[in-house]
């Protein structure tokens, strides 16, 4: 009889520990699927390490920005990385006359420091005529891409090429 009294609290303790471990595993699994590095970009301001040395400029020809649009809806422009870190990519936002903004990351848009790069992007017809461009530099953050929103450059004058 003495063994039965000592066995019930032992079984209860083992079950309680097993339940706690199982609950911990479920919570860890759920949070890891919600917060997988690389899935969602983290917004980092220019005052943090990843964006402090990022300087993006629209290259000027004379006193005009080098941005134009062709008759077949190709947007052409040149960007300069005037900072001291590599810009991994450029996020482009086009605001058109149709109302809805068009957001895309420009493929092959890595710009080393002190370099100028020419870009050509096809504007979807659903955008309408281009009213405004926003170009946001993206660098490597500690765990995720760092979108340097305080270094975004804008253009509202887009001429025909």
C-alpha atoms as a PDB file:
ATOM      1  CA  UNK A   1       0.000   0.000   0.000  1.00  0.00           C
ATOM      2  CA  UNK A   2       2.857   2.340   0.717  1.00  0.00           C
ATOM      3  CA  UNK A   3       4.028   2.064  -2.920  1.00  0.00           C
ATOM      4  CA  UNK A   4       0.642   3.179  -4.314  1.00  0.00           C
ATOM      5  CA  UNK A   5       0.604   6.409  -2.292  1.00  0.00           C
ATOM      6  CA  UNK A   6       4.089   7.354  -3.531  1.00  0.00           C
ATOM      7  CA  UNK A   7       3.356   6.385  -7.126  1.00  0.00           C
ATOM      8  CA  UNK A   8       0.412   8.777  -7.777  1.00  0.00           C
ATOM      9  CA  UNK A   9       2.349  12.009  -7.087  1.00  0.00           C
ATOM     10  CA  UNK A  10       5.252  10.696  -9.177  1.00  0.00           C
ATOM     11  CA  UNK A  11       2.965   9.974 -12.167  1.00  0.00           C
ATOM     12  CA  UNK A  12       1.314  13.387 -11.778  1.00  0.00           C
ATOM     13  CA  UNK A  13       4.727  15.100 -11.755  1.00  0.00           C
ATOM     14  CA  UNK A  14       5.885  13.208 -14.866  1.00  0.00           C
ATOM     15  CA  UNK A  15       2.633  14.062 -16.683  1.00  0.00           C
ATOM     16  CA  UNK A  16       2.917  17.737 -15.685  1.00  0.00           C
ATOM     17  CA  UNK A  17       6.507  17.940 -16.968  1.00  0.00           C
ATOM     18  CA  UNK A  18       5.540  16.163 -20.216  1.00  0.00           C
ATOM     19  CA  UNK A  19       2.648  18.599 -20.711  1.00  0.00           C
ATOM     20  CA  UNK A  20       4.923  21.614 -20.112  1.00  0.00           C
ATOM     21  CA  UNK A  21       7.537  20.321 -22.586  1.00  0.00           C
ATOM     22  CA  UNK A  22       4.878  19.609 -25.229  1.00  0.00           C
ATOM     23  CA  UNK A  23       3.336  23.068 -24.770  1.00  0.00           C
ATOM     24  CA  UNK A  24       6.770  24.691 -25.050  1.00  0.00           C
ATOM     25  CA  UNK A  25       7.490  22.761 -28.256  1.00  0.00           C
ATOM     26  CA  UNK A  26       4.171  23.865 -29.778  1.00  0.00           C
ATOM     27  CA  UNK A  27       4.802  27.529 -28.903  1.00  0.00           C
ATOM     28  CA  UNK A  28       8.367  27.433 -30.270  1.00  0.00           C
ATOM     29  CA  UNK A  29       7.216  25.761 -33.484  1.00  0.00           C
ATOM     30  CA  UNK A  30       4.419  28.297 -33.954  1.00  0.00           C
ATOM     31  CA  UNK A  31       6.676  31.324 -33.404  1.00  0.00           C
ATOM     32  CA  UNK A  32       9.397  29.973 -35.688  1.00  0.00           C
ATOM     33  CA  UNK A  33       6.897  29.638 -38.556  1.00  0.00           C
ATOM     34  CA  UNK A  34       5.617  33.160 -37.872  1.00  0.00           C
ATOM     35  CA  UNK A  35       9.035  34.814 -37.625  1.00  0.00           C
ATOM     36  CA  UNK A  36      11.256  33.056 -40.158  1.00  0.00           C
ATOM     37  CA  UNK A  37      14.263  35.271 -40.967  1.00  0.00           C
ATOM     38  CA  UNK A  38      14.185  36.543 -44.531  1.00  0.00           C
ATOM     39  CA  UNK A  39      10.427  36.192 -45.018  1.00  0.00           C
ATOM     40  CA  UNK A  40       9.466  39.715 -44.011  1.00  0.00           C
ATOM     41  CA  UNK A  41      11.732  42.712 -44.388  1.00  0.00           C
ATOM     42  CA  UNK A  42      12.477  44.715 -41.293  1.00  0.00           C
ATOM     43  CA  UNK A  43      12.282  48.471 -41.589  1.00  0.00           C
ATOM     44  CA  UNK A  44      15.435  50.076 -40.240  1.00  0.00           C
ATOM     45  CA  UNK A  45      15.853  53.812 -40.092  1.00  0.00           C
ATOM     46  CA  UNK A  46      19.036  55.519 -41.212  1.00  0.00           C
ATOM     47  CA  UNK A  47      20.144  56.050 -37.613  1.00  0.00           C
ATOM     48  CA  UNK A  48      20.782  52.349 -37.159  1.00  0.00           C
ATOM     49  CA  UNK A  49      23.959  50.606 -38.294  1.00  0.00           C
ATOM     50  CA  UNK A  50      22.674  49.122 -41.566  1.00  0.00           C
ATOM     51  CA  UNK A  51      21.519  52.437 -43.045  1.00  0.00           C
ATOM     52  CA  UNK A  52      23.790  55.112 -41.557  1.00  0.00           C
ATOM     53  CA  UNK A  53      26.183  55.111 -44.504  1.00  0.00           C
ATOM     54  CA  UNK A  54      23.574  54.675 -47.251  1.00  0.00           C
ATOM     55  CA  UNK A  55      23.202  57.604 -49.644  1.00  0.00           C
ATOM     56  CA  UNK A  56      21.150  57.074 -52.812  1.00  0.00           C
ATOM     57  CA  UNK A  57      20.886  59.798 -55.450  1.00  0.00           C
ATOM     58  CA  UNK A  58      19.135  60.123 -58.780  1.00  0.00           C
ATOM     59  CA  UNK A  59      21.887  61.040 -61.223  1.00  0.00           C
ATOM     60  CA  UNK A  60      21.470  64.543 -62.648  1.00  0.00           C
ATOM     61  CA  UNK A  61      22.264  65.534 -66.210  1.00  0.00           C
ATOM     62  CA  UNK A  62      22.678  69.279 -66.116  1.00  0.00           C
ATOM     63  CA  UNK A  63      20.095  70.387 -63.598  1.00  0.00           C
ATOM     64  CA  UNK A  64      17.511  67.721 -64.500  1.00  0.00           C
ATOM     65  CA  UNK A  65      17.113  64.215 -63.055  1.00  0.00           C
ATOM     66  CA  UNK A  66      18.025  61.468 -65.521  1.00  0.00           C
ATOM     67  CA  UNK A  67      14.538  59.909 -65.481  1.00  0.00           C
ATOM     68  CA  UNK A  68      12.402  59.433 -68.557  1.00  0.00           C
ATOM     69  CA  UNK A  69       9.727  57.112 -69.909  1.00  0.00           C
ATOM     70  CA  UNK A  70       9.626  55.679 -73.425  1.00  0.00           C
ATOM     71  CA  UNK A  71       6.556  55.347 -75.646  1.00  0.00           C
ATOM     72  CA  UNK A  72       6.470  51.604 -74.881  1.00  0.00           C
ATOM     73  CA  UNK A  73       6.252  52.277 -71.080  1.00  0.00           C
ATOM     74  CA  UNK A  74       9.876  51.640 -70.170  1.00  0.00           C
ATOM     75  CA  UNK A  75      11.101  53.796 -67.329  1.00  0.00           C
ATOM     76  CA  UNK A  76      14.796  54.702 -67.711  1.00  0.00           C
ATOM     77  CA  UNK A  77      16.903  56.251 -64.958  1.00  0.00           C
ATOM     78  CA  UNK A  78      20.360  56.315 -63.394  1.00  0.00           C
ATOM     79  CA  UNK A  79      21.093  55.985 -59.672  1.00  0.00           C
ATOM     80  CA  UNK A  80      24.269  56.788 -57.782  1.00  0.00           C
ATOM     81  CA  UNK A  81      25.395  55.098 -54.581  1.00  0.00           C
ATOM     82  CA  UNK A  82      27.068  58.090 -52.920  1.00  0.00           C
ATOM     83  CA  UNK A  83      27.461  56.228 -49.615  1.00  0.00           C
ATOM     84  CA  UNK A  84      30.134  53.911 -48.306  1.00  0.00           C
ATOM     85  CA  UNK A  85      28.171  50.633 -48.167  1.00  0.00           C
ATOM     86  CA  UNK A  86      26.851  48.333 -50.882  1.00  0.00           C
ATOM     87  CA  UNK A  87      23.196  48.862 -51.772  1.00  0.00           C
ATOM     88  CA  UNK A  88      21.871  45.311 -52.116  1.00  0.00           C
ATOM     89  CA  UNK A  89      18.792  46.235 -54.130  1.00  0.00           C
ATOM     90  CA  UNK A  90      16.320  49.009 -54.877  1.00  0.00           C
ATOM     91  CA  UNK A  91      12.601  48.936 -54.037  1.00  0.00           C
ATOM     92  CA  UNK A  92      10.632  50.886 -56.626  1.00  0.00           C
ATOM     93  CA  UNK A  93       7.202  52.369 -55.971  1.00  0.00           C
ATOM     94  CA  UNK A  94       5.377  53.914 -58.926  1.00  0.00           C
ATOM     95  CA  UNK A  95       2.331  56.043 -58.287  1.00  0.00           C
ATOM     96  CA  UNK A  96       0.309  56.446 -61.430  1.00  0.00           C
ATOM     97  CA  UNK A  97      -2.808  58.202 -62.607  1.00  0.00           C
ATOM     98  CA  UNK A  98      -4.836  54.992 -62.145  1.00  0.00           C
ATOM     99  CA  UNK A  99      -4.526  55.377 -58.364  1.00  0.00           C
ATOM    100  CA  UNK A 100      -3.046  52.126 -57.052  1.00  0.00           C
ATOM    101  CA  UNK A 101       0.699  52.185 -56.363  1.00  0.00           C
ATOM    102  CA  UNK A 102       2.896  49.600 -58.050  1.00  0.00           C
ATOM    103  CA  UNK A 103       5.624  48.175 -55.780  1.00  0.00           C
ATOM    104  CA  UNK A 104       8.477  46.003 -56.953  1.00  0.00           C
ATOM    105  CA  UNK A 105      12.059  45.230 -56.125  1.00  0.00           C
ATOM    106  CA  UNK A 106      14.203  45.969 -59.164  1.00  0.00           C
ATOM    107  CA  UNK A 107      16.048  42.815 -60.266  1.00  0.00           C
ATOM    108  CA  UNK A 108      19.851  42.989 -60.384  1.00  0.00           C
ATOM    109  CA  UNK A 109      19.894  46.402 -58.693  1.00  0.00           C
ATOM    110  CA  UNK A 110      22.984  45.984 -56.516  1.00  0.00           C
ATOM    111  CA  UNK A 111      25.094  49.163 -56.536  1.00  0.00           C
ATOM    112  CA  UNK A 112      28.597  49.213 -55.022  1.00  0.00           C
ATOM    113  CA  UNK A 113      29.764  52.404 -53.265  1.00  0.00           C
ATOM    114  CA  UNK A 114      30.722  55.354 -55.496  1.00  0.00           C
ATOM    115  CA  UNK A 115      29.132  53.807 -58.586  1.00  0.00           C
ATOM    116  CA  UNK A 116      26.364  54.876 -60.930  1.00  0.00           C
ATOM    117  CA  UNK A 117      24.063  52.300 -62.481  1.00  0.00           C
ATOM    118  CA  UNK A 118      21.515  52.625 -65.298  1.00  0.00           C
ATOM    119  CA  UNK A 119      18.103  50.958 -64.936  1.00  0.00           C
ATOM    120  CA  UNK A 120      15.241  50.182 -67.265  1.00  0.00           C
ATOM    121  CA  UNK A 121      11.924  49.032 -65.783  1.00  0.00           C
ATOM    122  CA  UNK A 122       8.731  48.214 -67.655  1.00  0.00           C
ATOM    123  CA  UNK A 123       5.749  50.036 -66.166  1.00  0.00           C
ATOM    124  CA  UNK A 124       2.551  47.942 -66.170  1.00  0.00           C
ATOM    125  CA  UNK A 125      -0.264  49.464 -68.206  1.00  0.00           C
ATOM    126  CA  UNK A 126      -2.565  49.238 -65.177  1.00  0.00           C
ATOM    127  CA  UNK A 127      -0.568  52.045 -63.503  1.00  0.00           C
ATOM    128  CA  UNK A 128      -1.632  54.669 -66.041  1.00  0.00           C
ATOM    129  CA  UNK A 129       0.669  57.608 -66.614  1.00  0.00           C
ATOM    130  CA  UNK A 130       3.482  57.867 -64.068  1.00  0.00           C
ATOM    131  CA  UNK A 131       2.925  60.665 -61.555  1.00  0.00           C
ATOM    132  CA  UNK A 132       5.575  59.908 -58.920  1.00  0.00           C
ATOM    133  CA  UNK A 133       8.496  57.529 -58.295  1.00  0.00           C
ATOM    134  CA  UNK A 134       9.923  56.456 -54.958  1.00  0.00           C
ATOM    135  CA  UNK A 135      13.234  54.584 -54.842  1.00  0.00           C
ATOM    136  CA  UNK A 136      14.198  52.983 -51.523  1.00  0.00           C
ATOM    137  CA  UNK A 137      17.667  51.492 -50.998  1.00  0.00           C
ATOM    138  CA  UNK A 138      17.872  48.049 -49.390  1.00  0.00           C
ATOM    139  CA  UNK A 139      20.969  46.826 -47.553  1.00  0.00           C
ATOM    140  CA  UNK A 140      21.876  43.734 -45.585  1.00  0.00           C
ATOM    141  CA  UNK A 141      20.607  43.929 -42.014  1.00  0.00           C
ATOM    142  CA  UNK A 142      21.717  41.744 -39.151  1.00  0.00           C
ATOM    143  CA  UNK A 143      19.067  39.074 -39.762  1.00  0.00           C
ATOM    144  CA  UNK A 144      16.931  40.481 -42.584  1.00  0.00           C
ATOM    145  CA  UNK A 145      17.025  43.007 -45.379  1.00  0.00           C
ATOM    146  CA  UNK A 146      17.102  46.598 -44.135  1.00  0.00           C
ATOM    147  CA  UNK A 147      14.822  48.986 -46.030  1.00  0.00           C
ATOM    148  CA  UNK A 148      16.392  52.420 -45.546  1.00  0.00           C
ATOM    149  CA  UNK A 149      13.191  54.447 -45.718  1.00  0.00           C
ATOM    150  CA  UNK A 150      14.850  57.650 -44.545  1.00  0.00           C
ATOM    151  CA  UNK A 151      17.092  57.493 -47.629  1.00  0.00           C
ATOM    152  CA  UNK A 152      14.207  57.093 -50.113  1.00  0.00           C
ATOM    153  CA  UNK A 153      14.508  59.431 -53.090  1.00  0.00           C
ATOM    154  CA  UNK A 154      11.480  60.695 -54.997  1.00  0.00           C
ATOM    155  CA  UNK A 155      10.855  62.081 -58.463  1.00  0.00           C
ATOM    156  CA  UNK A 156       7.734  63.811 -59.737  1.00  0.00           C
ATOM    157  CA  UNK A 157       9.065  65.077 -63.057  1.00  0.00           C
ATOM    158  CA  UNK A 158       9.220  62.234 -65.559  1.00  0.00           C
ATOM    159  CA  UNK A 159       9.796  63.369 -69.131  1.00  0.00           C
ATOM    160  CA  UNK A 160       9.487  61.426 -72.357  1.00  0.00           C
ATOM    161  CA  UNK A 161      12.695  59.833 -73.647  1.00  0.00           C
END
